[in-house]
């Protein structure tokens, strides 16, 4: 929970089938770093959705692809942030 009492949400999610990645931004000391959580969603017999961080052999291709997509998304974000920071410097 944040100071305002709201639950922190990931800045981006990627899903392929039952495999999902949540990308989190973490700020410490004026710097931001990112982490990626990959999990498998499933539905219980009672109809509730749950998350697990263990995978069957058949899931591993999707886990790998989700990790690649998360890396690509973070790299694009870093590139766009560095180019916007460079442009703030005063092109006139």
N, C-alpha and C. Protein backbone atom coordinates (compact mmCIF):
# COMPACT_ATOMS: atom_id res chain seq x y z
N UNK A 1 0.83 -1.18 0.00
CA UNK A 1 0.00 0.00 0.00
C UNK A 1 0.88 1.25 0.00
N UNK A 2 0.46 2.25 -0.75
CA UNK A 2 1.18 3.51 -0.77
C UNK A 2 0.72 4.38 0.38
N UNK A 3 1.32 5.56 0.50
CA UNK A 3 0.95 6.47 1.58
C UNK A 3 -0.51 6.89 1.50
N UNK A 4 -1.06 6.95 0.31
CA UNK A 4 -2.45 7.36 0.15
C UNK A 4 -3.42 6.21 0.41
N UNK A 5 -2.93 5.04 0.75
CA UNK A 5 -3.79 3.90 1.03
C UNK A 5 -4.21 3.14 -0.22
N UNK A 6 -3.64 3.47 -1.36
CA UNK A 6 -3.97 2.77 -2.60
C UNK A 6 -2.96 1.67 -2.85
N UNK A 7 -3.44 0.56 -3.39
CA UNK A 7 -2.55 -0.55 -3.71
C UNK A 7 -1.69 -0.17 -4.92
N UNK A 8 -0.41 -0.43 -4.84
CA UNK A 8 0.50 -0.14 -5.94
C UNK A 8 0.19 -1.08 -7.11
N UNK A 9 0.16 -0.52 -8.29
CA UNK A 9 -0.13 -1.28 -9.50
C UNK A 9 1.11 -1.35 -10.38
N UNK A 10 1.25 -2.41 -11.17
CA UNK A 10 2.37 -2.47 -12.11
C UNK A 10 2.21 -1.39 -13.17
N UNK A 11 3.33 -0.95 -13.74
CA UNK A 11 3.26 0.08 -14.78
C UNK A 11 2.90 -0.51 -16.13
N UNK A 12 3.05 -1.83 -16.27
CA UNK A 12 2.71 -2.48 -17.53
C UNK A 12 2.50 -3.97 -17.28
N UNK A 13 1.60 -4.58 -18.06
CA UNK A 13 1.38 -6.03 -17.99
C UNK A 13 1.44 -6.60 -19.40
N UNK A 14 1.94 -7.82 -19.49
CA UNK A 14 2.02 -8.54 -20.76
C UNK A 14 1.45 -9.93 -20.50
N UNK A 15 0.58 -10.40 -21.39
CA UNK A 15 -0.02 -11.72 -21.19
C UNK A 15 0.01 -12.52 -22.49
N UNK A 16 0.34 -13.79 -22.34
CA UNK A 16 0.26 -14.77 -23.44
C UNK A 16 -0.33 -16.03 -22.84
N UNK A 17 -1.56 -16.31 -23.20
CA UNK A 17 -2.24 -17.46 -22.61
C UNK A 17 -2.40 -17.27 -21.12
N UNK A 18 -2.02 -18.27 -20.35
CA UNK A 18 -2.16 -18.19 -18.89
C UNK A 18 -0.93 -17.58 -18.22
N UNK A 19 0.10 -17.25 -19.01
CA UNK A 19 1.33 -16.68 -18.45
C UNK A 19 1.27 -15.16 -18.55
N UNK A 20 1.60 -14.49 -17.46
CA UNK A 20 1.52 -13.04 -17.41
C UNK A 20 2.76 -12.47 -16.75
N UNK A 21 3.17 -11.29 -17.21
CA UNK A 21 4.28 -10.56 -16.59
C UNK A 21 3.76 -9.22 -16.11
N UNK A 22 4.16 -8.83 -14.94
CA UNK A 22 3.87 -7.50 -14.40
C UNK A 22 5.20 -6.78 -14.25
N UNK A 23 5.27 -5.56 -14.79
CA UNK A 23 6.49 -4.75 -14.70
C UNK A 23 6.25 -3.67 -13.66
N UNK A 24 7.14 -3.60 -12.71
CA UNK A 24 7.02 -2.68 -11.57
C UNK A 24 8.11 -1.62 -11.62
N UNK A 25 7.75 -0.40 -11.30
CA UNK A 25 8.72 0.69 -11.15
C UNK A 25 8.96 0.87 -9.65
N UNK A 26 10.21 0.97 -9.27
CA UNK A 26 10.60 1.13 -7.87
C UNK A 26 11.51 2.35 -7.76
N UNK A 27 11.13 3.30 -6.93
CA UNK A 27 11.92 4.52 -6.76
C UNK A 27 12.62 4.49 -5.41
N UNK A 28 13.93 4.73 -5.45
CA UNK A 28 14.74 4.80 -4.24
C UNK A 28 15.80 5.87 -4.43
N UNK A 29 15.90 6.78 -3.50
CA UNK A 29 16.94 7.79 -3.53
C UNK A 29 16.95 8.62 -4.80
N UNK A 30 15.79 8.91 -5.33
CA UNK A 30 15.70 9.73 -6.53
C UNK A 30 15.96 8.99 -7.83
N UNK A 31 16.21 7.69 -7.76
CA UNK A 31 16.43 6.88 -8.95
C UNK A 31 15.32 5.84 -9.07
N UNK A 32 15.00 5.48 -10.30
CA UNK A 32 13.97 4.48 -10.54
C UNK A 32 14.60 3.25 -11.17
N UNK A 33 14.24 2.08 -10.66
CA UNK A 33 14.67 0.82 -11.24
C UNK A 33 13.43 -0.03 -11.43
N UNK A 34 13.55 -1.05 -12.26
CA UNK A 34 12.38 -1.83 -12.64
C UNK A 34 12.59 -3.31 -12.32
N UNK A 35 11.49 -3.98 -12.03
CA UNK A 35 11.53 -5.42 -11.82
C UNK A 35 10.36 -6.05 -12.57
N UNK A 36 10.52 -7.32 -12.90
CA UNK A 36 9.51 -8.04 -13.66
C UNK A 36 9.12 -9.29 -12.88
N UNK A 37 7.83 -9.46 -12.70
CA UNK A 37 7.29 -10.64 -12.03
C UNK A 37 6.55 -11.46 -13.08
N UNK A 38 6.91 -12.72 -13.25
CA UNK A 38 6.25 -13.60 -14.21
C UNK A 38 5.51 -14.68 -13.44
N UNK A 39 4.26 -14.90 -13.78
CA UNK A 39 3.45 -15.88 -13.08
C UNK A 39 2.45 -16.53 -14.02
N UNK A 40 1.92 -17.64 -13.56
CA UNK A 40 0.89 -18.39 -14.29
C UNK A 40 -0.43 -18.21 -13.57
N UNK A 41 -1.45 -17.81 -14.31
CA UNK A 41 -2.79 -17.64 -13.72
C UNK A 41 -3.60 -18.91 -13.96
N UNK A 42 -4.37 -19.29 -12.96
CA UNK A 42 -5.25 -20.45 -13.11
C UNK A 42 -6.52 -20.22 -12.31
N UNK A 43 -7.54 -20.98 -12.65
CA UNK A 43 -8.84 -20.85 -11.99
C UNK A 43 -9.07 -22.08 -11.12
N UNK A 44 -9.46 -21.86 -9.87
CA UNK A 44 -9.72 -22.96 -8.96
C UNK A 44 -11.09 -23.57 -9.26
N UNK A 45 -11.37 -24.71 -8.64
CA UNK A 45 -12.68 -25.34 -8.81
C UNK A 45 -13.81 -24.45 -8.30
N UNK A 46 -13.49 -23.54 -7.38
CA UNK A 46 -14.48 -22.61 -6.84
C UNK A 46 -14.64 -21.37 -7.74
N UNK A 47 -13.90 -21.31 -8.83
CA UNK A 47 -14.02 -20.20 -9.77
C UNK A 47 -13.16 -18.99 -9.44
N UNK A 48 -12.27 -19.12 -8.46
CA UNK A 48 -11.38 -18.02 -8.09
C UNK A 48 -10.09 -18.10 -8.91
N UNK A 49 -9.59 -16.93 -9.31
CA UNK A 49 -8.32 -16.88 -10.03
C UNK A 49 -7.17 -16.79 -9.03
N UNK A 50 -6.13 -17.56 -9.29
CA UNK A 50 -4.94 -17.57 -8.45
C UNK A 50 -3.71 -17.43 -9.34
N UNK A 51 -2.58 -17.17 -8.70
CA UNK A 51 -1.31 -17.05 -9.41
C UNK A 51 -0.32 -18.05 -8.83
N UNK A 52 0.50 -18.62 -9.72
CA UNK A 52 1.54 -19.55 -9.30
C UNK A 52 2.83 -19.16 -10.02
N UNK A 53 3.95 -19.47 -9.40
CA UNK A 53 5.23 -19.19 -10.03
C UNK A 53 6.01 -20.48 -10.31
N UNK A 54 5.26 -21.52 -10.58
CA UNK A 54 5.86 -22.77 -11.07
C UNK A 54 5.20 -23.08 -12.41
N UNK A 55 5.96 -23.75 -13.29
CA UNK A 55 5.52 -23.91 -14.67
C UNK A 55 5.71 -25.34 -15.13
N UNK A 56 4.77 -25.79 -15.94
CA UNK A 56 4.89 -27.09 -16.60
C UNK A 56 5.81 -26.93 -17.81
N UNK A 57 6.30 -28.03 -18.31
CA UNK A 57 7.16 -28.01 -19.48
C UNK A 57 6.50 -27.25 -20.62
N UNK A 58 5.22 -27.44 -20.83
CA UNK A 58 4.50 -26.78 -21.91
C UNK A 58 4.43 -25.27 -21.73
N UNK A 59 4.59 -24.76 -20.51
CA UNK A 59 4.53 -23.32 -20.24
C UNK A 59 5.84 -22.60 -20.54
N UNK A 60 6.93 -23.32 -20.59
CA UNK A 60 8.25 -22.69 -20.63
C UNK A 60 8.48 -21.85 -21.88
N UNK A 61 7.92 -22.23 -23.02
CA UNK A 61 8.06 -21.42 -24.22
C UNK A 61 7.39 -20.06 -24.00
N UNK A 62 6.21 -20.06 -23.40
CA UNK A 62 5.51 -18.80 -23.13
C UNK A 62 6.24 -17.96 -22.08
N UNK A 63 6.80 -18.61 -21.07
CA UNK A 63 7.57 -17.89 -20.05
C UNK A 63 8.76 -17.19 -20.71
N UNK A 64 9.45 -17.90 -21.59
CA UNK A 64 10.59 -17.33 -22.29
C UNK A 64 10.16 -16.14 -23.15
N UNK A 65 9.07 -16.29 -23.89
CA UNK A 65 8.61 -15.21 -24.76
C UNK A 65 8.14 -14.01 -23.94
N UNK A 66 7.48 -14.24 -22.84
CA UNK A 66 7.03 -13.15 -21.96
C UNK A 66 8.25 -12.38 -21.44
N UNK A 67 9.30 -13.09 -21.05
CA UNK A 67 10.52 -12.43 -20.57
C UNK A 67 11.14 -11.58 -21.67
N UNK A 68 11.17 -12.09 -22.90
CA UNK A 68 11.69 -11.31 -24.03
C UNK A 68 10.86 -10.06 -24.27
N UNK A 69 9.53 -10.20 -24.24
CA UNK A 69 8.64 -9.05 -24.46
C UNK A 69 8.81 -8.00 -23.36
N UNK A 70 8.99 -8.45 -22.12
CA UNK A 70 9.20 -7.52 -21.02
C UNK A 70 10.51 -6.76 -21.21
N UNK A 71 11.57 -7.48 -21.61
CA UNK A 71 12.85 -6.83 -21.86
C UNK A 71 12.73 -5.81 -22.99
N UNK A 72 12.05 -6.17 -24.08
CA UNK A 72 11.86 -5.24 -25.19
C UNK A 72 11.09 -4.00 -24.75
N UNK A 73 10.04 -4.19 -23.95
CA UNK A 73 9.24 -3.06 -23.48
C UNK A 73 10.09 -2.13 -22.61
N UNK A 74 10.87 -2.70 -21.71
CA UNK A 74 11.73 -1.89 -20.84
C UNK A 74 12.81 -1.16 -21.63
N UNK A 75 13.37 -1.81 -22.65
CA UNK A 75 14.37 -1.15 -23.48
C UNK A 75 13.77 0.01 -24.26
N UNK A 76 12.58 -0.18 -24.83
CA UNK A 76 11.90 0.92 -25.54
C UNK A 76 11.61 2.08 -24.60
N UNK A 77 11.19 1.76 -23.38
CA UNK A 77 10.90 2.80 -22.38
C UNK A 77 12.17 3.58 -22.05
N UNK A 78 13.27 2.86 -21.84
CA UNK A 78 14.54 3.52 -21.52
C UNK A 78 14.99 4.41 -22.67
N UNK A 79 14.86 3.94 -23.91
CA UNK A 79 15.25 4.74 -25.07
C UNK A 79 14.40 6.00 -25.19
N UNK A 80 13.09 5.87 -24.98
CA UNK A 80 12.22 7.05 -25.11
C UNK A 80 12.49 8.04 -23.98
N UNK A 81 12.80 7.54 -22.78
CA UNK A 81 13.10 8.44 -21.67
C UNK A 81 14.43 9.15 -21.88
N UNK A 82 15.43 8.45 -22.42
CA UNK A 82 16.72 9.09 -22.63
C UNK A 82 16.64 10.11 -23.76
N UNK A 83 15.84 9.83 -24.80
CA UNK A 83 15.72 10.81 -25.88
C UNK A 83 14.89 12.02 -25.44
N UNK A 84 13.89 11.83 -24.59
CA UNK A 84 13.12 12.98 -24.10
C UNK A 84 13.95 13.81 -23.14
N UNK A 85 14.83 13.18 -22.36
CA UNK A 85 15.72 13.92 -21.46
C UNK A 85 16.72 14.74 -22.28
N UNK A 86 17.22 14.16 -23.35
CA UNK A 86 18.17 14.88 -24.22
C UNK A 86 17.48 16.08 -24.87
N UNK A 87 16.23 15.93 -25.26
CA UNK A 87 15.50 17.02 -25.89
C UNK A 87 15.14 18.13 -24.91
N UNK A 88 15.05 17.82 -23.63
CA UNK A 88 14.76 18.85 -22.63
C UNK A 88 15.92 19.82 -22.48
N UNK A 89 17.11 19.41 -22.88
CA UNK A 89 18.30 20.19 -22.69
C UNK A 89 18.34 21.51 -23.46
N UNK A 90 17.43 21.70 -24.38
CA UNK A 90 17.38 23.02 -24.98
C UNK A 90 17.61 23.07 -26.48
N UNK A 91 16.99 22.18 -27.22
CA UNK A 91 16.99 22.38 -28.66
C UNK A 91 16.11 23.57 -28.94
N UNK A 92 16.61 24.52 -29.74
CA UNK A 92 15.83 25.73 -29.98
C UNK A 92 15.58 25.95 -31.41
